[in-house]
Amino acid sequence: MEIKITKDMKTNEAVEKYPAIKEVFIKYFGKGCFDCPAFGSEDIGFACTMHGTDVEQFVKECIEAVERMQEE
């Protein structure tokens, strides 16, 4: 399965499609991320900007999380 995660994806869309990336969201944004009113209405790039997170690193780690899950 091709893993397609980009900074332009909505946060909820990415997590629904790739549940393994929840760990990356929690690592960078905290456990409350999923309860935030903005979750789902913003894209990954905007979320990273708001949290001072390098978007390229964030997306890379999301892809790696999905790859690990696929190997199990």
N, C-alpha and C. Protein backbone atom coordinates (compact mmCIF):
# COMPACT_ATOMS: atom_id res chain seq x y z
N MET A 1 0.84 -1.18 0.00
CA MET A 1 0.00 0.00 0.00
C MET A 1 0.89 1.25 0.00
N GLU A 2 0.61 2.14 -0.91
CA GLU A 2 1.36 3.38 -0.99
C GLU A 2 0.97 4.29 0.17
N ILE A 3 1.95 4.86 0.83
CA ILE A 3 1.72 5.78 1.93
C ILE A 3 1.80 7.19 1.39
N LYS A 4 0.69 7.90 1.46
CA LYS A 4 0.66 9.26 0.94
C LYS A 4 0.22 10.20 2.05
N ILE A 5 1.20 10.75 2.73
CA ILE A 5 0.95 11.73 3.78
C ILE A 5 1.66 13.01 3.36
N THR A 6 0.92 14.10 3.31
CA THR A 6 1.51 15.38 2.92
C THR A 6 1.12 16.45 3.93
N LYS A 7 1.83 17.56 3.87
CA LYS A 7 1.54 18.67 4.76
C LYS A 7 0.19 19.31 4.45
N ASP A 8 -0.36 19.02 3.29
CA ASP A 8 -1.64 19.60 2.88
C ASP A 8 -2.85 18.78 3.32
N MET A 9 -2.62 17.58 3.86
CA MET A 9 -3.73 16.74 4.32
C MET A 9 -4.34 17.32 5.58
N LYS A 10 -5.64 17.23 5.70
CA LYS A 10 -6.30 17.62 6.95
C LYS A 10 -5.87 16.65 8.04
N THR A 11 -5.74 17.15 9.24
CA THR A 11 -5.25 16.32 10.34
C THR A 11 -6.14 15.10 10.57
N ASN A 12 -7.45 15.30 10.58
CA ASN A 12 -8.34 14.16 10.83
C ASN A 12 -8.31 13.16 9.68
N GLU A 13 -8.19 13.64 8.46
CA GLU A 13 -8.12 12.76 7.30
C GLU A 13 -6.89 11.85 7.40
N ALA A 14 -5.77 12.44 7.79
CA ALA A 14 -4.53 11.67 7.90
C ALA A 14 -4.63 10.60 8.98
N VAL A 15 -5.17 10.97 10.14
CA VAL A 15 -5.28 10.02 11.26
C VAL A 15 -6.30 8.92 10.95
N GLU A 16 -7.39 9.27 10.28
CA GLU A 16 -8.38 8.25 9.92
C GLU A 16 -7.80 7.25 8.93
N LYS A 17 -7.03 7.75 7.96
CA LYS A 17 -6.47 6.88 6.93
C LYS A 17 -5.29 6.07 7.48
N TYR A 18 -4.51 6.68 8.38
CA TYR A 18 -3.31 6.04 8.93
C TYR A 18 -3.31 6.15 10.46
N PRO A 19 -4.05 5.31 11.15
CA PRO A 19 -4.14 5.40 12.62
C PRO A 19 -2.79 5.31 13.32
N ALA A 20 -1.80 4.69 12.71
CA ALA A 20 -0.48 4.56 13.33
C ALA A 20 0.17 5.91 13.58
N ILE A 21 -0.24 6.95 12.91
CA ILE A 21 0.40 8.25 13.08
C ILE A 21 -0.08 8.99 14.32
N LYS A 22 -1.04 8.43 15.02
CA LYS A 22 -1.48 9.06 16.27
C LYS A 22 -0.30 9.26 17.22
N GLU A 23 0.61 8.30 17.23
CA GLU A 23 1.77 8.40 18.12
C GLU A 23 2.62 9.63 17.80
N VAL A 24 2.71 9.98 16.53
CA VAL A 24 3.49 11.15 16.13
C VAL A 24 2.77 12.42 16.53
N PHE A 25 1.46 12.46 16.36
CA PHE A 25 0.68 13.62 16.79
C PHE A 25 0.84 13.84 18.29
N ILE A 26 0.78 12.76 19.06
CA ILE A 26 0.91 12.87 20.52
C ILE A 26 2.33 13.33 20.88
N LYS A 27 3.33 12.80 20.21
CA LYS A 27 4.72 13.16 20.49
C LYS A 27 4.93 14.68 20.32
N TYR A 28 4.40 15.23 19.25
CA TYR A 28 4.65 16.64 18.95
C TYR A 28 3.60 17.60 19.51
N PHE A 29 2.35 17.16 19.59
CA PHE A 29 1.26 18.08 19.94
C PHE A 29 0.59 17.75 21.27
N GLY A 30 0.91 16.61 21.86
CA GLY A 30 0.31 16.22 23.13
C GLY A 30 -0.97 15.42 22.95
N LYS A 31 -1.39 14.76 24.03
CA LYS A 31 -2.58 13.90 23.97
C LYS A 31 -3.86 14.69 23.74
N GLY A 32 -3.87 15.95 24.11
CA GLY A 32 -5.06 16.78 23.92
C GLY A 32 -5.30 17.19 22.48
N CYS A 33 -4.38 16.87 21.63
CA CYS A 33 -4.48 17.24 20.21
C CYS A 33 -5.81 16.83 19.60
N PHE A 34 -6.25 15.63 19.92
CA PHE A 34 -7.45 15.09 19.28
C PHE A 34 -8.74 15.70 19.82
N ASP A 35 -8.64 16.38 20.96
CA ASP A 35 -9.81 17.06 21.53
C ASP A 35 -9.86 18.53 21.15
N CYS A 36 -8.81 19.02 20.51
CA CYS A 36 -8.73 20.42 20.12
C CYS A 36 -9.80 20.73 19.06
N PRO A 37 -10.51 21.84 19.22
CA PRO A 37 -11.54 22.21 18.24
C PRO A 37 -10.98 22.38 16.82
N ALA A 38 -9.70 22.71 16.71
CA ALA A 38 -9.11 22.91 15.39
C ALA A 38 -8.77 21.59 14.70
N PHE A 39 -8.68 20.49 15.48
CA PHE A 39 -8.32 19.20 14.88
C PHE A 39 -9.33 18.83 13.82
N GLY A 40 -8.85 18.59 12.63
CA GLY A 40 -9.72 18.22 11.52
C GLY A 40 -10.02 19.37 10.59
N SER A 41 -9.96 20.58 11.10
CA SER A 41 -10.23 21.72 10.23
C SER A 41 -8.94 22.31 9.68
N GLU A 42 -7.81 21.90 10.26
CA GLU A 42 -6.54 22.42 9.80
C GLU A 42 -5.74 21.32 9.11
N ASP A 43 -4.83 21.74 8.24
CA ASP A 43 -3.98 20.74 7.61
C ASP A 43 -2.73 20.52 8.46
N ILE A 44 -2.00 19.49 8.12
CA ILE A 44 -0.81 19.12 8.89
C ILE A 44 0.20 20.26 8.91
N GLY A 45 0.40 20.91 7.78
CA GLY A 45 1.34 22.02 7.71
C GLY A 45 1.00 23.13 8.68
N PHE A 46 -0.27 23.50 8.75
CA PHE A 46 -0.70 24.56 9.66
C PHE A 46 -0.54 24.13 11.11
N ALA A 47 -0.90 22.89 11.41
CA ALA A 47 -0.75 22.38 12.78
C ALA A 47 0.72 22.45 13.20
N CYS A 48 1.61 22.06 12.32
CA CYS A 48 3.04 22.11 12.63
C CYS A 48 3.49 23.54 12.85
N THR A 49 3.03 24.45 12.03
CA THR A 49 3.38 25.86 12.21
C THR A 49 2.90 26.37 13.56
N MET A 50 1.69 26.04 13.93
CA MET A 50 1.12 26.52 15.19
C MET A 50 1.85 25.95 16.41
N HIS A 51 2.46 24.77 16.24
CA HIS A 51 3.16 24.13 17.35
C HIS A 51 4.68 24.25 17.25
N GLY A 52 5.16 25.03 16.28
CA GLY A 52 6.60 25.21 16.13
C GLY A 52 7.34 23.94 15.78
N THR A 53 6.69 23.11 14.97
CA THR A 53 7.24 21.81 14.60
C THR A 53 7.67 21.82 13.14
N ASP A 54 8.81 21.23 12.87
CA ASP A 54 9.29 21.12 11.49
C ASP A 54 8.38 20.17 10.72
N VAL A 55 7.68 20.69 9.73
CA VAL A 55 6.68 19.89 9.02
C VAL A 55 7.30 18.73 8.25
N GLU A 56 8.48 18.94 7.68
CA GLU A 56 9.13 17.86 6.93
C GLU A 56 9.48 16.70 7.86
N GLN A 57 9.99 17.00 9.04
CA GLN A 57 10.33 15.97 10.02
C GLN A 57 9.06 15.26 10.49
N PHE A 58 8.01 16.03 10.73
CA PHE A 58 6.74 15.47 11.19
C PHE A 58 6.19 14.48 10.17
N VAL A 59 6.14 14.89 8.91
CA VAL A 59 5.62 14.01 7.85
C VAL A 59 6.50 12.77 7.72
N LYS A 60 7.81 12.95 7.81
CA LYS A 60 8.74 11.82 7.72
C LYS A 60 8.45 10.81 8.82
N GLU A 61 8.26 11.29 10.04
CA GLU A 61 7.98 10.39 11.15
C GLU A 61 6.62 9.72 11.01
N CYS A 62 5.66 10.41 10.45
CA CYS A 62 4.35 9.80 10.20
C CYS A 62 4.49 8.64 9.22
N ILE A 63 5.21 8.86 8.15
CA ILE A 63 5.41 7.80 7.15
C ILE A 63 6.14 6.62 7.78
N GLU A 64 7.14 6.90 8.59
CA GLU A 64 7.88 5.82 9.26
C GLU A 64 6.98 5.03 10.20
N ALA A 65 6.07 5.70 10.89
CA ALA A 65 5.14 5.02 11.80
C ALA A 65 4.24 4.06 11.03
N VAL A 66 3.77 4.50 9.87
CA VAL A 66 2.91 3.64 9.05
C VAL A 66 3.71 2.46 8.52
N GLU A 67 4.94 2.72 8.09
CA GLU A 67 5.79 1.63 7.59
C GLU A 67 6.03 0.57 8.67
N ARG A 68 6.28 1.02 9.90
CA ARG A 68 6.48 0.07 11.01
C ARG A 68 5.24 -0.78 11.21
N MET A 69 4.08 -0.16 11.15
CA MET A 69 2.82 -0.88 11.35
C MET A 69 2.61 -1.91 10.23
N GLN A 70 2.96 -1.55 9.01
CA GLN A 70 2.79 -2.46 7.89
C GLN A 70 3.72 -3.67 8.00
N GLU A 71 4.86 -3.50 8.64
CA GLU A 71 5.81 -4.60 8.79
C GLU A 71 5.37 -5.63 9.83
N GLU A 72 4.49 -5.21 10.75
CA GLU A 72 4.04 -6.12 11.82
C GLU A 72 3.11 -7.18 11.30
